[in-house]
């Protein structure tokens, strides 16, 4: 799984989304954490837990038993060099139009904050509000069958139409089909195993551009971080951590999707699996997960049983603030398209889709 990276075209950040997102109740500023991110690069293991516990960066060395020698060596850089690297990272974020979302920020997704070894920060391109919507992770094999691709796209479209965001890894095969299905009906989040300005594989550059229009790209790795096989298993814990549940559509043995399933189980999240024939080697990983207790999805109608928004069983009421009545009035007896309804209602896309799904 040796991966090569590809640059996307530069994109300027919008005025209302600065690259540095200030935390509201923390003694460590976003600027300090940006410098820390520049110093550490991909060496993030253990840092998120320390920040979540309120440990300030200058006290990290006191927790040396929890950090690797490489991390400790990076933390030992002098303040002037940290500041210089931080300024360079800030400039790179400006060029690619990305925002910086540390774990100390109130806008950091809570579902991810509470996981074991959470990312200490996220770099985000696109609509970061998508991260606060209910997410379902849909992942699977890069060398998927035609049936697997169709299932991933159909399943993701149905979940997205019900108000769920679809989270996946922008890889070939099932991941790409999941993103495409979600875009038919709603929003999607792509978690990268590269820097936020790198798109791998190169053939998914157009798909990534479409995701930026109705979702977001996310990475814990700073701009310029090229693809490396060791980074993708770490990426998988973010995919499952953002989601309420993970659906494995098709997976062989071995498979990176099994890493995502393992991360989901460690995080206390449900894992659903589509069963495959014992004669289909591309589905052997699914059978392995079913043997170990994953929940089978034997047909798409079962989605309503497991995902309450699809059956109108969401926790929010239909008309607590009059939004449902307003939406029905806007729809009327006419043929109002989704784009027109989005403009007329003033609702964010995830909220509009969730409301439509419940109605």
Protein backbone atom coordinates (compact mmCIF):
# COMPACT_ATOMS: atom_id res chain seq x y z
CA UNK A 1 0.00 0.00 0.00
CA UNK A 2 2.68 2.45 -1.05
CA UNK A 3 0.87 5.74 -1.75
CA UNK A 4 1.96 8.80 -3.70
CA UNK A 5 0.42 12.24 -3.03
CA UNK A 6 -0.91 14.86 -5.39
CA UNK A 7 -1.37 18.60 -4.87
CA UNK A 8 -4.72 20.24 -5.34
CA UNK A 9 -5.13 23.76 -6.60
CA UNK A 10 -4.78 26.54 -3.99
CA UNK A 11 -7.93 27.86 -2.42
CA UNK A 12 -8.23 31.06 -0.39
CA UNK A 13 -9.93 30.87 3.01
CA UNK A 14 -13.26 32.63 3.43
CA UNK A 15 -13.40 35.74 5.60
CA UNK A 16 -15.66 34.15 8.22
CA UNK A 17 -13.50 31.07 8.71
CA UNK A 18 -10.01 32.08 9.90
CA UNK A 19 -7.31 29.41 9.83
CA UNK A 20 -6.87 29.61 13.62
CA UNK A 21 -9.99 28.77 15.62
CA UNK A 22 -9.77 30.24 19.13
CA UNK A 23 -10.67 27.96 22.04
CA UNK A 24 -13.09 29.51 24.52
CA UNK A 25 -12.07 27.98 27.84
CA UNK A 26 -8.47 26.96 27.75
CA UNK A 27 -5.22 28.55 28.86
CA UNK A 28 -3.48 27.35 25.72
CA UNK A 29 -4.12 29.59 22.71
CA UNK A 30 -4.85 28.31 19.23
CA UNK A 31 -1.63 30.00 18.10
CA UNK A 32 0.40 27.94 20.59
CA UNK A 33 -1.27 24.76 19.41
CA UNK A 34 -0.67 25.69 15.79
CA UNK A 35 3.05 25.98 16.59
CA UNK A 36 2.85 22.62 18.37
CA UNK A 37 1.22 21.05 15.30
CA UNK A 38 4.00 22.44 13.12
CA UNK A 39 6.64 20.96 15.40
CA UNK A 40 5.06 17.53 15.77
CA UNK A 41 3.84 16.92 12.20
CA UNK A 42 2.47 13.37 12.04
CA UNK A 43 3.73 12.49 15.57
CA UNK A 44 0.40 13.03 17.34
CA UNK A 45 0.00 9.85 19.39
CA UNK A 46 -0.91 10.69 22.99
CA UNK A 47 -1.03 14.46 22.46
CA UNK A 48 -4.81 14.65 22.10
CA UNK A 49 -5.40 12.91 25.42
CA UNK A 50 -3.07 15.31 27.23
CA UNK A 51 -4.80 18.36 25.75
CA UNK A 52 -8.21 16.88 26.58
CA UNK A 53 -7.08 16.49 30.18
CA UNK A 54 -6.06 20.15 30.29
CA UNK A 55 -2.30 19.58 30.33
CA UNK A 56 -0.53 22.60 28.84
CA UNK A 57 2.18 21.97 26.22
CA UNK A 58 5.04 23.21 28.42
CA UNK A 59 4.11 20.42 30.89
CA UNK A 60 4.06 17.63 28.32
CA UNK A 61 7.55 16.48 29.27
CA UNK A 62 6.16 15.59 32.73
CA UNK A 63 4.12 12.91 30.95
CA UNK A 64 7.16 11.35 29.28
CA UNK A 65 5.96 7.81 30.04
CA UNK A 66 2.97 8.39 27.75
CA UNK A 67 4.88 9.90 24.84
CA UNK A 68 7.35 8.37 22.40
CA UNK A 69 11.02 9.47 22.30
CA UNK A 70 10.38 11.01 18.85
CA UNK A 71 7.58 13.18 20.26
CA UNK A 72 9.69 14.23 23.23
CA UNK A 73 12.58 15.15 20.93
CA UNK A 74 10.25 17.28 18.78
CA UNK A 75 8.86 19.00 21.87
CA UNK A 76 12.41 19.97 22.84
CA UNK A 77 12.79 22.45 19.98
CA UNK A 78 13.58 26.03 21.13
CA UNK A 79 10.72 28.57 21.22
CA UNK A 80 12.11 30.62 18.33
CA UNK A 81 12.13 27.60 16.03
CA UNK A 82 8.60 26.66 17.14
CA UNK A 83 7.38 30.15 16.28
CA UNK A 84 9.07 30.06 12.88
CA UNK A 85 7.52 26.68 12.04
CA UNK A 86 4.13 27.89 13.28
CA UNK A 87 4.25 30.93 10.99
CA UNK A 88 5.14 28.68 8.06
CA UNK A 89 2.20 26.39 8.85
CA UNK A 90 -0.16 29.36 9.16
CA UNK A 91 0.91 30.58 5.72
CA UNK A 92 0.37 27.10 4.24
CA UNK A 93 -3.17 27.01 5.67
CA UNK A 94 -3.88 30.39 4.11
CA UNK A 95 -2.77 29.14 0.71
CA UNK A 96 -4.94 26.00 0.70
CA UNK A 97 -7.94 27.64 2.40
CA UNK A 98 -7.94 25.37 5.46
CA UNK A 99 -9.01 26.12 9.03
CA UNK A 100 -7.34 24.83 12.20
CA UNK A 101 -9.62 23.20 14.76
CA UNK A 102 -7.85 22.17 18.00
CA UNK A 103 -9.39 19.71 20.44
CA UNK A 104 -9.71 22.56 22.96
CA UNK A 105 -12.16 24.38 20.69
CA UNK A 106 -15.90 24.15 21.46
CA UNK A 107 -16.41 23.50 17.72
CA UNK A 108 -14.32 20.32 17.82
CA UNK A 109 -16.71 17.35 17.25
CA UNK A 110 -17.64 15.90 20.63
CA UNK A 111 -18.02 12.37 19.23
CA UNK A 112 -14.33 12.44 18.32
CA UNK A 113 -13.12 14.31 21.42
CA UNK A 114 -14.21 11.50 23.74
CA UNK A 115 -12.43 8.66 21.87
CA UNK A 116 -9.21 6.93 22.96
CA UNK A 117 -6.16 8.74 21.53
CA UNK A 118 -8.18 11.49 19.83
CA UNK A 119 -6.48 13.71 17.25
CA UNK A 120 -5.16 16.82 19.02
CA UNK A 121 -6.42 18.99 16.15
CA UNK A 122 -8.06 18.82 12.77
CA UNK A 123 -7.24 20.71 9.60
CA UNK A 124 -10.46 21.31 7.68
CA UNK A 125 -11.27 22.44 4.16
CA UNK A 126 -14.88 23.07 3.23
CA UNK A 127 -17.88 23.39 5.55
CA UNK A 128 -16.69 22.47 9.04
CA UNK A 129 -20.30 22.65 10.29
CA UNK A 130 -20.79 19.22 8.69
CA UNK A 131 -18.68 17.76 11.51
CA UNK A 132 -21.41 18.55 14.03
CA UNK A 133 -24.06 16.58 12.11
CA UNK A 134 -24.85 12.95 12.92
CA UNK A 135 -22.41 10.82 10.91
CA UNK A 136 -22.37 7.22 9.73
CA UNK A 137 -19.05 5.81 8.50
CA UNK A 138 -19.31 3.72 5.32
CA UNK A 139 -16.06 1.98 4.34
CA UNK A 140 -14.79 -1.08 2.53
CA UNK A 141 -12.43 -2.60 0.02
CA UNK A 142 -10.45 -0.57 -2.51
CA UNK A 143 -10.79 -3.46 -4.99
CA UNK A 144 -14.52 -3.76 -4.64
CA UNK A 145 -16.90 -5.76 -6.78
CA UNK A 146 -19.54 -4.06 -8.94
CA UNK A 147 -22.23 -5.22 -6.51
CA UNK A 148 -20.28 -3.81 -3.58
CA UNK A 149 -19.94 -0.42 -5.25
CA UNK A 150 -23.65 -0.30 -6.03
CA UNK A 151 -24.55 -1.25 -2.46
CA UNK A 152 -22.24 1.39 -0.98
CA UNK A 153 -23.68 4.12 -3.16
CA UNK A 154 -27.32 3.13 -2.58
CA UNK A 155 -26.89 2.67 1.17
CA UNK A 156 -25.06 6.00 1.56
CA UNK A 157 -27.66 7.88 -0.50
CA UNK A 158 -30.45 6.46 1.65
CA UNK A 159 -28.69 7.41 4.90
CA UNK A 160 -27.89 10.89 3.58
CA UNK A 161 -31.50 11.43 2.51
CA UNK A 162 -32.50 10.65 6.09
CA UNK A 163 -30.28 13.41 7.44
CA UNK A 164 -27.08 11.53 8.23
CA UNK A 165 -23.69 12.73 7.07
CA UNK A 166 -21.58 10.02 5.45
CA UNK A 167 -17.98 9.76 6.62
CA UNK A 168 -15.35 7.81 4.68
CA UNK A 169 -11.72 7.88 3.59
CA UNK A 170 -11.76 9.03 -0.08
CA UNK A 171 -10.02 5.80 -1.12
CA UNK A 172 -10.77 3.89 -4.30
CA UNK A 173 -13.60 1.38 -4.26
CA UNK A 174 -16.20 1.45 -1.49
CA UNK A 175 -15.05 4.76 0.05
CA UNK A 176 -15.44 6.63 -3.23
CA UNK A 177 -18.84 5.04 -3.88
CA UNK A 178 -19.98 6.04 -0.38
CA UNK A 179 -19.01 9.68 -0.97
CA UNK A 180 -20.72 9.71 -4.37
CA UNK A 181 -23.91 8.22 -2.94
CA UNK A 182 -23.97 10.75 -0.11
CA UNK A 183 -23.56 13.65 -2.53
CA UNK A 184 -26.71 12.55 -4.36
CA UNK A 185 -28.80 13.38 -1.29
CA UNK A 186 -26.74 15.34 1.23
CA UNK A 187 -23.32 15.99 2.72
CA UNK A 188 -20.22 13.90 3.26
CA UNK A 189 -16.92 14.12 5.16
CA UNK A 190 -13.69 12.73 3.71
CA UNK A 191 -10.92 11.97 6.20
CA UNK A 192 -7.51 12.06 4.55
CA UNK A 193 -4.43 10.03 5.40
CA UNK A 194 -2.31 12.84 3.94
CA UNK A 195 -1.88 16.54 4.50
CA UNK A 196 -5.03 18.59 4.03
CA UNK A 197 -3.78 19.92 0.68
CA UNK A 198 -2.90 16.48 -0.70
CA UNK A 199 -5.43 14.31 -2.52
CA UNK A 200 -4.77 10.60 -2.85
CA UNK A 201 -5.52 8.89 -5.15
CA UNK A 202 -5.08 11.51 -7.87
CA UNK A 203 -8.13 10.25 -9.76
CA UNK A 204 -10.30 11.41 -6.85
CA UNK A 205 -9.36 15.08 -7.24
CA UNK A 206 -12.68 15.81 -8.96
CA UNK A 207 -14.59 13.92 -6.25
CA UNK A 208 -12.73 15.91 -3.58
CA UNK A 209 -13.73 19.14 -5.32
CA UNK A 210 -17.38 18.05 -5.25
CA UNK A 211 -17.10 17.20 -1.56
CA UNK A 212 -15.80 20.70 -0.85
CA UNK A 213 -19.03 22.10 -2.29
CA UNK A 214 -21.32 20.08 0.01
CA UNK A 215 -19.13 18.77 2.80
CA UNK A 216 -15.54 18.93 3.97
CA UNK A 217 -12.10 17.36 3.85
CA UNK A 218 -10.45 16.61 7.19
CA UNK A 219 -6.97 15.58 8.33
CA UNK A 220 -4.92 15.71 11.50
CA UNK A 221 -1.81 16.05 9.32
CA UNK A 222 -0.49 19.50 8.35
CA UNK A 223 -0.29 20.68 4.73
CA UNK A 224 2.53 19.15 2.75
CA UNK A 225 2.44 15.78 4.54
CA UNK A 226 2.85 13.20 1.77
CA UNK A 227 1.12 9.82 1.79
CA UNK A 228 2.76 7.03 3.76
CA UNK A 229 1.30 3.61 4.47
CA UNK A 230 1.69 4.00 8.25
CA UNK A 231 -0.59 7.02 8.34
CA UNK A 232 -3.73 5.33 7.00
CA UNK A 233 -4.46 3.04 10.00
CA UNK A 234 -4.16 6.14 12.21
CA UNK A 235 -6.58 7.96 9.88
CA UNK A 236 -9.17 5.20 10.33
CA UNK A 237 -9.73 5.97 14.02
CA UNK A 238 -10.89 9.46 12.99
CA UNK A 239 -13.38 8.05 10.47
CA UNK A 240 -15.00 5.81 13.08
CA UNK A 241 -14.63 8.42 15.82
CA UNK A 242 -16.66 11.00 13.92
CA UNK A 243 -19.48 8.50 13.37
CA UNK A 244 -22.27 7.07 15.47
CA UNK A 245 -21.75 3.71 13.76
CA UNK A 246 -19.58 2.12 11.08
CA UNK A 247 -20.90 0.10 8.13
CA UNK A 248 -18.49 -2.28 6.39
CA UNK A 249 -19.86 -2.93 2.92
CA UNK A 250 -17.22 -5.24 1.48
CA UNK A 251 -13.81 -6.21 2.88
CA UNK A 252 -11.25 -8.86 2.08
CA UNK A 253 -8.62 -10.34 4.38
CA UNK A 254 -6.46 -8.48 5.21
CA UNK A 255 -8.19 -5.13 4.85
CA UNK A 256 -7.78 -1.60 6.16
CA UNK A 257 -11.52 -1.62 6.81
CA UNK A 258 -10.90 -4.08 9.63
CA UNK A 259 -8.74 -1.41 11.29
CA UNK A 260 -11.69 0.97 11.09
CA UNK A 261 -13.99 -1.69 12.57
CA UNK A 262 -11.52 -2.38 15.39
CA UNK A 263 -11.26 1.35 16.13
CA UNK A 264 -15.04 1.66 16.20
CA UNK A 265 -15.36 -1.19 18.68
CA UNK A 266 -12.63 0.32 20.89
CA UNK A 267 -14.57 3.60 20.80
CA UNK A 268 -17.77 1.83 21.86
CA UNK A 269 -19.52 2.36 18.52
CA UNK A 270 -21.70 -0.12 16.64
CA UNK A 271 -20.30 -2.00 13.66
CA UNK A 272 -22.64 -3.21 10.90
CA UNK A 273 -21.55 -5.58 8.15
CA UNK A 274 -23.04 -6.72 4.87
CA UNK A 275 -22.67 -10.53 4.63
CA UNK A 276 -21.01 -12.12 1.62
CA UNK A 277 -20.78 -15.64 0.26
CA UNK A 278 -18.04 -17.90 1.60
CA UNK A 279 -17.00 -18.31 -2.05
CA UNK A 280 -16.43 -14.56 -2.47
CA UNK A 281 -12.87 -13.87 -1.28
CA UNK A 282 -13.48 -10.11 -1.45
CA UNK A 283 -16.02 -10.46 1.36
CA UNK A 284 -13.95 -12.68 3.67
CA UNK A 285 -13.28 -9.77 6.02
CA UNK A 286 -17.01 -9.21 6.43
CA UNK A 287 -17.53 -12.85 7.39
CA UNK A 288 -14.65 -12.54 9.86
CA UNK A 289 -16.34 -9.56 11.52
CA UNK A 290 -19.72 -11.31 11.63
CA UNK A 291 -18.12 -14.32 13.32
CA UNK A 292 -16.74 -11.94 15.97
CA UNK A 293 -20.12 -10.37 16.72
CA UNK A 294 -20.68 -7.51 14.27
CA UNK A 295 -24.33 -6.82 13.41
CA UNK A 296 -25.39 -8.08 9.96
CA UNK A 297 -27.35 -5.95 7.50
CA UNK A 298 -29.12 -8.47 5.29
CA UNK A 299 -31.19 -5.91 3.34
CA UNK A 300 -31.50 -2.13 3.09
CA UNK A 301 -34.90 -2.09 4.79
CA UNK A 302 -33.12 -3.01 8.02
CA UNK A 303 -31.50 0.44 8.03
CA UNK A 304 -34.73 1.87 9.48
CA UNK A 305 -34.40 -0.43 12.49
CA UNK A 306 -30.86 0.62 13.33
CA UNK A 307 -30.76 4.30 12.34
CA UNK A 308 -33.65 6.20 13.97
CA UNK A 309 -33.58 9.27 11.74
CA UNK A 310 -34.63 7.13 8.78
CA UNK A 311 -37.77 6.02 10.61
CA UNK A 312 -38.57 9.49 11.97
CA UNK A 313 -37.33 8.55 15.43
CA UNK A 314 -34.74 11.29 15.90
CA UNK A 315 -34.37 12.89 19.30
CA UNK A 316 -35.51 16.35 18.10
CA UNK A 317 -39.22 17.08 17.77
CA UNK A 318 -40.68 17.82 14.38
CA UNK A 319 -41.85 21.32 15.11
CA UNK A 320 -40.21 22.51 18.31
CA UNK A 321 -39.40 25.89 16.74
CA UNK A 322 -41.84 25.93 13.84
CA UNK A 323 -39.23 24.83 11.30
CA UNK A 324 -41.28 21.85 10.11
CA UNK A 325 -44.38 23.98 9.55
CA UNK A 326 -42.28 26.60 7.75
CA UNK A 327 -40.74 23.94 5.53
CA UNK A 328 -44.14 22.47 4.60
CA UNK A 329 -45.36 25.96 3.73
CA UNK A 330 -42.36 26.55 1.48
CA UNK A 331 -42.87 23.23 -0.30
CA UNK A 332 -46.61 23.84 -0.77
CA UNK A 333 -48.15 22.12 -3.77
CA UNK A 334 -45.31 23.05 -6.11
CA UNK A 335 -42.21 21.26 -7.30
CA UNK A 336 -39.48 23.00 -5.32
CA UNK A 337 -35.99 21.56 -5.86
CA UNK A 338 -33.53 20.93 -3.05
CA UNK A 339 -31.28 23.88 -3.96
CA UNK A 340 -34.23 26.28 -4.06
CA UNK A 341 -35.54 24.87 -0.76
CA UNK A 342 -32.11 25.31 0.81
CA UNK A 343 -32.02 28.98 -0.23
CA UNK A 344 -35.61 29.69 0.80
CA UNK A 345 -35.46 27.98 4.20
CA UNK A 346 -32.13 29.43 5.34
CA UNK A 347 -31.33 26.10 7.01
CA UNK A 348 -27.91 24.45 6.78
CA UNK A 349 -27.84 21.44 4.46
CA UNK A 350 -27.49 18.78 7.24
CA UNK A 351 -30.39 20.35 9.18
CA UNK A 352 -32.59 20.61 6.10
CA UNK A 353 -31.96 16.99 5.13
CA UNK A 354 -32.60 15.78 8.67
CA UNK A 355 -35.89 17.69 8.79
CA UNK A 356 -36.98 16.41 5.38
CA UNK A 357 -36.10 12.87 6.44
CA UNK A 358 -38.24 13.11 9.60
CA UNK A 359 -41.16 14.68 7.69
